[in-house]
Amino acid sequence: MSKIGALSLLSATASSANPLTSEAAEEKNHFVAGPYLQNISSDEVTVMWITHKNSFSWLEYGAGTYTSKREFGYSNGLIEANNRINKITISGLKPGTEHKYKIVSTEVLGYKGSKVEFGETISSVMYGFKTPAANEDEFKMVVFNDIHDRPQIIPQLLYRHGYTGNKRDYDFVVFNGDCFDWVTEESQVVDHLIKPTVDIFATEFPFILTQGNHECRGSFSRHIPQYFAYPENKFYYSFTRGPVHFVILDSGEDKADDSVEYGGLSAFDRYRETQQKWLEKEIETEAFKKSHFRILLIHISPWHSGDWHGTLHCRQVFGPTLNKAKFDLQLSGHTHRYATHDADATHNFPIVIGGGPIEGNRTLIKLHATSKELNLRMIRDDGEVVGKYTIVKKSR
């Protein structure tokens, strides 16, 4: 691939900031992390990976056992190259079908005028995933929250409670905020989240990271979106999977924007107000209205999450619209105290809040959705079921 004429189309692009020490930079090019899947649908998926050196990268893929197709990323007419973080979307896939793929990267050594100098090409083993059926009426998911730089929680809870027999009991995974404490460098994002998911499931099954208040903190926090695939590059969005329409909101920081800890560099009140305007439009969409079930993912619950500014402002700006929308279920974290809250006079849908990062208080939320009902169990790390809901489809 490095020899074909398409490479001559490459133009100089701004090199990604490469946070490598001079000693590490002497290492040969290799895959730092990945591949990991994002945003899967019945006909599309985004594949991501990170290389050690700036490279030109592409995917080789195909249905069944063949990889007869290739795809690369491009922006404004330029093929993505001279970068380390790769985010390539393949579309036009056949629904409900097994697909094979591998990742390939050729190091970009430099530019001499219009000539690009390439180095060694590296490639992965073959991986596989299955696109959901177009008329999918059932799926399973699991939800983590508040692991706070304790990556061992991911394999511990998944291997204990994420299987039925020898079979995975999930089609995708959600990390519902606060995977980190203060985000200070790339290796933290890679070692504490991306690598553990790749080791267990992310080459075959996608995951979602919703932003918690701790993802907002630290010198590297503004770089986090580069490492994951978000629709329109926003932390708030919606998608439909089978019978469920998901809405994801970003609750932002729990402290006020003028808090001295953030040096005047926060604008979460304005950000939440922008989301509220989007939410008003979202609940009027056909996808939302026609869905069998509606689930809200938000790190800080607008209710039952104390009286910090972020909670109160979420309640003020999101609360009336969420109640108007008639959600079936909300999943949250943040408090480090697992709990379930039935619908009441303040919120007309049940709320499930997962536990914290300390052993004995960690939880895995398991959801099984069909066209007729939602079955949820919140399992503590010792196997005790500490929350349970069965929600039957309602007539709208």
Protein backbone atom coordinates (compact mmCIF):
# COMPACT_ATOMS: atom_id res chain seq x y z
CA MET A 1 0.00 0.00 0.00
CA SER A 2 2.89 2.35 0.77
CA LYS A 3 3.95 2.17 -2.87
CA ILE A 4 0.67 3.04 -4.57
CA GLY A 5 0.05 6.34 -6.25
CA ALA A 6 -2.41 7.54 -3.64
CA LEU A 7 0.46 8.34 -1.37
CA SER A 8 1.64 11.03 -3.72
CA LEU A 9 -1.54 12.92 -2.87
CA LEU A 10 -0.34 13.42 0.68
CA SER A 11 0.43 17.02 1.58
CA ALA A 12 2.12 18.38 4.64
CA THR A 13 -0.30 18.33 7.57
CA ALA A 14 0.09 19.63 11.05
CA SER A 15 1.85 16.93 13.02
CA SER A 16 0.04 15.63 16.10
CA ALA A 17 1.72 16.62 19.31
CA ASN A 18 3.78 13.60 20.18
CA PRO A 19 4.26 13.44 23.96
CA LEU A 20 7.22 11.05 23.77
CA THR A 21 10.50 11.35 25.55
CA SER A 22 13.63 11.48 23.39
CA GLU A 23 14.53 7.98 24.59
CA ALA A 24 11.10 6.60 23.70
CA ALA A 25 11.23 8.36 20.34
CA GLU A 26 14.17 6.15 19.40
CA GLU A 27 11.96 3.07 19.59
CA LYS A 28 10.69 1.54 16.37
CA ASN A 29 7.19 2.35 15.29
CA HIS A 30 4.59 0.11 16.89
CA PHE A 31 0.94 0.13 17.90
CA VAL A 32 0.63 1.87 21.24
CA ALA A 33 -3.03 0.90 21.64
CA GLY A 34 -5.83 -0.58 19.64
CA PRO A 35 -7.63 -1.27 17.58
CA TYR A 36 -10.78 -0.31 19.46
CA LEU A 37 -14.29 0.10 18.08
CA GLN A 38 -16.56 3.13 18.41
CA ASN A 39 -20.02 4.13 17.18
CA ILE A 40 -21.15 0.84 15.67
CA SER A 41 -24.44 0.72 13.79
CA SER A 42 -26.06 -1.70 11.37
CA ASP A 43 -24.02 -0.32 8.44
CA GLU A 44 -21.09 1.60 9.96
CA VAL A 45 -18.31 1.48 12.53
CA THR A 46 -15.35 3.63 13.53
CA VAL A 47 -12.03 1.91 14.21
CA MET A 48 -9.38 3.70 16.26
CA TRP A 49 -5.75 3.02 17.13
CA ILE A 50 -2.63 4.86 18.22
CA THR A 51 0.83 4.48 16.71
CA HIS A 52 4.15 5.28 18.36
CA LYS A 53 5.41 7.38 15.45
CA ASN A 54 3.60 9.69 13.04
CA SER A 55 2.23 7.54 10.26
CA PHE A 56 -0.11 7.12 7.33
CA SER A 57 -2.66 4.49 8.35
CA TRP A 58 -5.49 2.55 6.77
CA LEU A 59 -7.88 -0.34 7.33
CA GLU A 60 -8.17 -3.54 5.35
CA TYR A 61 -11.57 -5.15 5.82
CA GLY A 62 -14.29 -7.29 4.32
CA ALA A 63 -17.30 -9.45 5.06
CA GLY A 64 -16.75 -13.06 6.02
CA THR A 65 -13.09 -14.05 5.89
CA TYR A 66 -11.94 -11.68 3.15
CA THR A 67 -10.32 -8.26 3.47
CA SER A 68 -10.67 -7.08 -0.10
CA LYS A 69 -11.49 -3.46 0.78
CA ARG A 70 -9.39 -0.60 2.12
CA GLU A 71 -10.33 2.63 3.84
CA PHE A 72 -8.39 5.61 5.11
CA GLY A 73 -9.35 8.87 6.74
CA TYR A 74 -9.35 12.20 4.96
CA SER A 75 -10.23 15.78 5.80
CA ASN A 76 -10.85 18.65 3.39
CA GLY A 77 -9.41 16.61 0.53
CA LEU A 78 -6.24 15.59 2.34
CA ILE A 79 -5.65 11.99 3.35
CA GLU A 80 -5.00 11.80 7.07
CA ALA A 81 -1.29 11.25 7.62
CA ASN A 82 1.64 12.35 9.74
CA ASN A 83 -0.48 11.66 12.82
CA ARG A 84 -0.53 9.10 15.63
CA ILE A 85 -4.20 8.91 16.63
CA ASN A 86 -6.21 7.18 13.93
CA LYS A 87 -9.98 7.40 13.62
CA ILE A 88 -11.27 5.69 10.47
CA THR A 89 -14.96 5.14 9.75
CA ILE A 90 -16.09 2.43 7.36
CA SER A 91 -19.64 2.69 6.06
CA GLY A 92 -21.87 0.81 3.67
CA LEU A 93 -21.51 -2.38 5.71
CA LYS A 94 -24.07 -5.13 5.48
CA PRO A 95 -26.29 -5.32 8.59
CA GLY A 96 -26.17 -8.40 10.81
CA THR A 97 -22.95 -9.62 9.20
CA GLU A 98 -19.56 -10.78 10.44
CA HIS A 99 -16.70 -8.58 9.23
CA LYS A 100 -12.93 -9.06 9.38
CA TYR A 101 -10.38 -6.25 9.57
CA LYS A 102 -6.81 -5.38 10.34
CA ILE A 103 -5.00 -2.10 10.90
CA VAL A 104 -1.94 -1.01 8.90
CA SER A 105 0.39 1.96 9.46
CA THR A 106 3.40 3.23 7.52
CA GLU A 107 5.72 5.58 9.37
CA VAL A 108 6.10 9.06 7.89
CA LEU A 109 9.78 9.97 8.20
CA GLY A 110 9.46 13.48 6.85
CA TYR A 111 8.96 15.74 3.87
CA LYS A 112 11.40 17.08 1.31
CA GLY A 113 9.49 19.63 -0.67
CA SER A 114 6.63 17.77 -2.28
CA LYS A 115 8.20 14.37 -1.62
CA VAL A 116 7.09 12.29 1.35
CA GLU A 117 9.60 9.91 2.90
CA PHE A 118 8.10 6.74 4.30
CA GLY A 119 9.51 4.21 6.73
CA GLU A 120 8.52 0.74 7.82
CA THR A 121 4.97 -0.59 7.47
CA ILE A 122 3.43 -2.45 10.40
CA SER A 123 0.16 -4.36 10.48
CA SER A 124 -1.95 -6.14 13.06
CA VAL A 125 -3.42 -9.61 13.18
CA MET A 126 -6.95 -10.08 11.85
CA TYR A 127 -9.84 -9.02 14.06
CA GLY A 128 -13.58 -9.36 13.66
CA PHE A 129 -16.88 -7.74 14.62
CA LYS A 130 -20.53 -8.16 13.75
CA THR A 131 -22.80 -5.32 12.71
CA PRO A 132 -26.20 -5.24 14.44
CA ALA A 133 -29.15 -6.38 12.37
CA ALA A 134 -31.16 -3.57 10.78
CA ASN A 135 -34.27 -4.74 12.64
CA GLU A 136 -32.47 -5.72 15.84
CA ASP A 137 -34.98 -6.18 18.65
CA GLU A 138 -32.66 -7.26 21.46
CA PHE A 139 -29.25 -6.37 22.88
CA LYS A 140 -27.28 -6.40 26.12
CA MET A 141 -24.97 -3.78 27.59
CA VAL A 142 -22.96 -3.22 30.75
CA VAL A 143 -22.17 0.07 32.48
CA PHE A 144 -19.17 1.09 34.58
CA ASN A 145 -18.86 4.39 36.38
CA ASP A 146 -16.33 6.14 38.62
CA ILE A 147 -13.37 3.79 38.26
CA HIS A 148 -11.00 6.73 38.96
CA ASP A 149 -7.70 5.50 37.51
CA ARG A 150 -8.17 1.95 38.76
CA PRO A 151 -8.04 0.01 35.48
CA GLN A 152 -8.04 -3.35 37.29
CA ILE A 153 -11.76 -2.78 37.96
CA ILE A 154 -12.54 -3.38 34.29
CA PRO A 155 -11.30 -7.00 34.03
CA GLN A 156 -12.30 -7.83 37.59
CA LEU A 157 -15.96 -6.88 37.14
CA LEU A 158 -16.27 -8.08 33.55
CA TYR A 159 -14.75 -11.49 34.21
CA ARG A 160 -16.79 -11.93 37.38
CA HIS A 161 -20.15 -10.66 36.19
CA GLY A 162 -20.00 -9.94 32.45
CA TYR A 163 -20.37 -13.52 31.29
CA THR A 164 -23.06 -16.18 31.24
CA GLY A 165 -21.14 -19.42 31.17
CA ASN A 166 -18.36 -18.85 28.64
CA LYS A 167 -20.32 -16.30 26.62
CA ARG A 168 -20.03 -12.54 26.91
CA ASP A 169 -23.19 -11.04 28.31
CA TYR A 170 -22.92 -7.71 26.48
CA ASP A 171 -22.94 -6.22 22.99
CA PHE A 172 -21.36 -2.93 24.04
CA VAL A 173 -19.94 -1.24 27.13
CA VAL A 174 -20.56 2.19 28.66
CA PHE A 175 -18.14 4.05 30.92
CA ASN A 176 -20.46 6.56 32.52
CA GLY A 177 -17.92 9.16 33.58
CA ASP A 178 -14.98 9.62 35.96
CA CYS A 179 -12.67 6.99 34.54
CA PHE A 180 -9.81 9.26 35.64
CA ASP A 181 -8.97 11.63 38.48
CA TRP A 182 -6.93 14.47 36.99
CA VAL A 183 -6.03 13.80 33.37
CA THR A 184 -2.39 14.77 32.92
CA GLU A 185 -0.95 12.77 29.99
CA GLU A 186 -1.69 10.43 27.12
CA SER A 187 -0.33 7.36 28.89
CA GLN A 188 -3.00 7.78 31.56
CA VAL A 189 -5.79 7.67 28.97
CA VAL A 190 -4.17 4.70 27.23
CA ASP A 191 -3.12 2.61 30.22
CA HIS A 192 -6.13 3.25 32.44
CA LEU A 193 -8.90 2.87 29.88
CA ILE A 194 -8.03 2.09 26.27
CA LYS A 195 -5.60 -0.80 26.79
CA PRO A 196 -7.78 -2.66 29.32
CA THR A 197 -10.76 -2.49 26.97
CA VAL A 198 -8.68 -3.67 24.00
CA ASP A 199 -7.31 -6.58 26.04
CA ILE A 200 -10.82 -7.81 26.90
CA PHE A 201 -13.37 -6.76 24.27
CA ALA A 202 -12.86 -3.52 22.31
CA THR A 203 -11.42 -5.13 19.16
CA GLU A 204 -14.83 -6.82 18.72
CA PHE A 205 -17.34 -4.78 20.74
CA PRO A 206 -17.54 -0.97 21.00
CA PHE A 207 -17.56 1.19 24.10
CA ILE A 208 -18.77 4.67 24.99
CA LEU A 209 -17.13 7.13 27.36
CA THR A 210 -19.46 9.80 28.72
CA GLN A 211 -17.73 12.80 30.25
CA GLY A 212 -17.73 13.00 34.03
CA ASN A 213 -16.58 15.97 36.04
CA HIS A 214 -13.13 14.42 36.55
CA GLU A 215 -12.60 14.12 32.79
CA CYS A 216 -12.82 17.93 32.84
CA ARG A 217 -9.80 18.26 35.11
CA GLY A 218 -6.08 18.25 34.49
CA SER A 219 -3.66 19.57 31.88
CA PHE A 220 -4.54 16.85 29.34
CA SER A 221 -8.33 17.02 29.71
CA ARG A 222 -8.87 19.09 26.57
CA HIS A 223 -7.18 16.39 24.47
CA ILE A 224 -9.52 13.56 25.53
CA PRO A 225 -11.93 13.93 22.56
CA GLN A 226 -9.09 13.05 20.15
CA TYR A 227 -8.94 9.52 21.59
CA PHE A 228 -12.61 8.63 21.13
CA ALA A 229 -15.21 9.01 18.39
CA TYR A 230 -18.14 11.28 19.20
CA PRO A 231 -20.86 12.30 16.75
CA GLU A 232 -20.10 15.83 15.61
CA ASN A 233 -17.24 15.84 18.15
CA LYS A 234 -19.67 16.58 20.99
CA PHE A 235 -20.05 14.87 24.36
CA TYR A 236 -23.84 15.19 24.11
CA TYR A 237 -25.70 13.28 21.40
CA SER A 238 -28.22 10.52 20.79
CA PHE A 239 -28.31 7.17 19.04
CA THR A 240 -30.68 4.24 18.61
CA ARG A 241 -29.71 0.67 19.30
CA GLY A 242 -32.41 -1.91 18.67
CA PRO A 243 -35.54 -0.96 20.64
CA VAL A 244 -33.81 1.74 22.72
CA HIS A 245 -33.12 5.38 21.94
CA PHE A 246 -30.25 6.69 24.06
CA VAL A 247 -29.71 10.32 24.97
CA ILE A 248 -26.31 11.26 26.40
CA LEU A 249 -25.90 14.53 28.26
CA ASP A 250 -22.71 16.02 29.64
CA SER A 251 -23.34 17.16 33.22
CA GLY A 252 -19.99 18.98 33.29
CA GLU A 253 -18.27 20.08 36.48
CA ASP A 254 -19.89 19.85 39.90
CA LYS A 255 -18.37 23.19 40.96
CA ALA A 256 -19.29 26.70 39.84
CA ASP A 257 -17.51 28.24 36.86
CA ASP A 258 -15.83 30.83 39.07
CA SER A 259 -14.27 28.16 41.30
CA VAL A 260 -10.67 29.12 42.00
CA GLU A 261 -9.47 25.59 41.13
CA TYR A 262 -10.03 26.09 37.41
CA GLY A 263 -8.37 29.46 36.95
CA GLY A 264 -11.39 31.04 35.30
CA LEU A 265 -11.25 28.59 32.38
CA SER A 266 -14.67 26.96 32.83
CA ALA A 267 -17.97 27.78 31.12
CA PHE A 268 -20.14 24.84 32.14
CA ASP A 269 -23.26 26.87 32.90
CA ARG A 270 -23.32 28.16 29.33
CA TYR A 271 -22.49 24.66 28.07
CA ARG A 272 -25.40 23.07 29.94
CA GLU A 273 -27.75 25.76 28.68
CA THR A 274 -26.63 24.99 25.10
CA GLN A 275 -27.33 21.31 25.69
CA GLN A 276 -30.79 22.12 27.02
CA LYS A 277 -31.69 23.82 23.75
CA TRP A 278 -30.46 20.77 21.87
CA LEU A 279 -32.41 18.48 24.20
CA GLU A 280 -35.66 20.33 23.51
CA LYS A 281 -35.21 19.61 19.81
CA GLU A 282 -34.02 16.05 20.38
CA ILE A 283 -37.16 14.91 22.22
CA GLU A 284 -39.26 16.08 19.26
CA THR A 285 -37.39 13.93 16.74
CA GLU A 286 -39.04 10.95 15.11
CA ALA A 287 -36.32 8.61 16.40
CA PHE A 288 -37.04 9.65 19.97
CA LYS A 289 -40.81 9.60 19.71
CA LYS A 290 -41.07 6.24 17.94
CA SER A 291 -38.61 4.33 20.12
CA HIS A 292 -39.81 1.48 22.29
CA PHE A 293 -37.70 2.73 25.21
CA ARG A 294 -35.78 5.89 26.10
CA ILE A 295 -32.69 5.83 28.29
CA LEU A 296 -30.71 8.81 29.57
CA LEU A 297 -26.97 8.51 30.30
CA ILE A 298 -25.59 11.37 32.41
CA HIS A 299 -22.76 11.24 34.91
CA ILE A 300 -24.15 13.61 37.56
CA SER A 301 -27.81 12.95 38.18
CA PRO A 302 -29.89 16.12 38.41
CA TRP A 303 -31.53 14.50 41.44
CA HIS A 304 -30.15 12.53 44.42
CA SER A 305 -26.60 13.82 43.86
CA GLY A 306 -26.19 16.31 46.66
CA ASP A 307 -26.38 20.08 46.46
CA TRP A 308 -23.21 21.07 44.62
CA HIS A 309 -23.66 23.72 41.94
CA GLY A 310 -23.41 21.24 39.04
CA THR A 311 -26.24 19.08 40.37
CA LEU A 312 -28.50 22.05 41.03
CA HIS A 313 -27.81 23.63 37.65
CA CYS A 314 -28.45 20.29 35.86
CA ARG A 315 -31.75 20.07 37.69
CA GLN A 316 -32.65 23.63 36.76
CA VAL A 317 -31.81 23.46 33.06
CA PHE A 318 -32.43 19.77 32.24
CA GLY A 319 -35.09 18.76 34.77
CA PRO A 320 -38.28 20.17 33.18
CA THR A 321 -37.37 18.90 29.70
CA LEU A 322 -36.41 15.43 30.97
CA ASN A 323 -39.74 15.08 32.74
CA LYS A 324 -41.59 16.31 29.66
CA ALA A 325 -39.77 13.72 27.56
CA LYS A 326 -40.99 10.77 29.66
CA PHE A 327 -37.78 8.77 29.79
CA ASP A 328 -38.02 5.17 30.89
CA LEU A 329 -34.73 5.07 32.78
CA GLN A 330 -31.72 7.20 33.78
CA LEU A 331 -28.24 5.77 34.48
CA SER A 332 -25.74 7.87 36.45
CA GLY A 333 -22.72 7.78 38.74
CA HIS A 334 -20.77 10.48 40.59
CA THR A 335 -21.92 9.97 44.20
CA HIS A 336 -19.89 6.75 44.81
CA ARG A 337 -22.97 5.42 46.61
CA TYR A 338 -24.96 2.89 44.62
CA ALA A 339 -28.71 3.44 44.80
CA THR A 340 -31.98 3.13 42.92
CA HIS A 341 -34.62 5.83 43.04
CA ASP A 342 -38.16 5.15 41.87
CA ALA A 343 -40.10 7.80 39.97
CA ASP A 344 -41.48 10.45 42.33
CA ALA A 345 -42.88 13.97 42.32
CA THR A 346 -39.56 15.44 41.12
CA HIS A 347 -38.65 12.99 38.34
CA ASN A 348 -41.16 10.79 36.54
CA PHE A 349 -38.71 7.98 35.68
CA PRO A 350 -36.49 5.67 37.77
CA ILE A 351 -32.86 6.60 38.37
CA VAL A 352 -30.03 4.13 38.89
CA ILE A 353 -26.75 5.44 40.35
CA GLY A 354 -23.72 3.16 40.32
CA GLY A 355 -21.18 2.76 43.11
CA GLY A 356 -17.63 4.03 43.56
CA PRO A 357 -14.10 2.72 42.95
CA ILE A 358 -13.42 1.14 46.36
CA GLU A 359 -13.71 -2.65 46.71
CA GLY A 360 -17.04 -3.57 48.26
CA ASN A 361 -18.71 -0.54 46.69
CA ARG A 362 -17.96 -1.15 43.01
CA THR A 363 -20.85 -2.02 40.72
CA LEU A 364 -21.53 -3.29 37.23
CA ILE A 365 -24.90 -2.36 35.77
CA LYS A 366 -26.26 -4.95 33.32
CA LEU A 367 -29.12 -4.13 30.97
CA HIS A 368 -30.98 -6.54 28.71
CA ALA A 369 -33.28 -4.76 26.27
CA THR A 370 -35.95 -6.39 24.12
CA SER A 371 -38.83 -4.88 22.18
CA LYS A 372 -41.11 -5.72 25.11
CA GLU A 373 -39.14 -4.84 28.24
CA LEU A 374 -35.96 -3.56 29.86
CA ASN A 375 -34.36 -5.75 32.51
CA LEU A 376 -31.72 -4.09 34.67
CA ARG A 377 -29.57 -5.51 37.44
CA MET A 378 -26.93 -3.61 39.36
CA ILE A 379 -24.37 -6.08 40.71
CA ARG A 380 -21.89 -5.28 43.47
CA ASP A 381 -18.37 -6.62 43.03
CA ASP A 382 -19.07 -9.50 45.46
CA GLY A 383 -21.99 -10.66 43.30
CA GLU A 384 -24.80 -9.21 45.40
CA VAL A 385 -27.62 -7.68 43.32
CA VAL A 386 -28.10 -4.21 44.82
CA GLY A 387 -30.57 -2.80 42.32
CA LYS A 388 -33.16 -4.22 39.97
CA TYR A 389 -35.77 -2.95 37.54
CA THR A 390 -38.06 -4.53 34.96
CA ILE A 391 -39.66 -1.89 32.76
CA VAL A 392 -42.41 -2.95 30.37
CA LYS A 393 -43.02 -1.11 27.12
CA LYS A 394 -45.57 1.65 27.48
CA SER A 395 -48.02 2.99 24.98
CA ARG A 396 -46.90 6.52 24.12
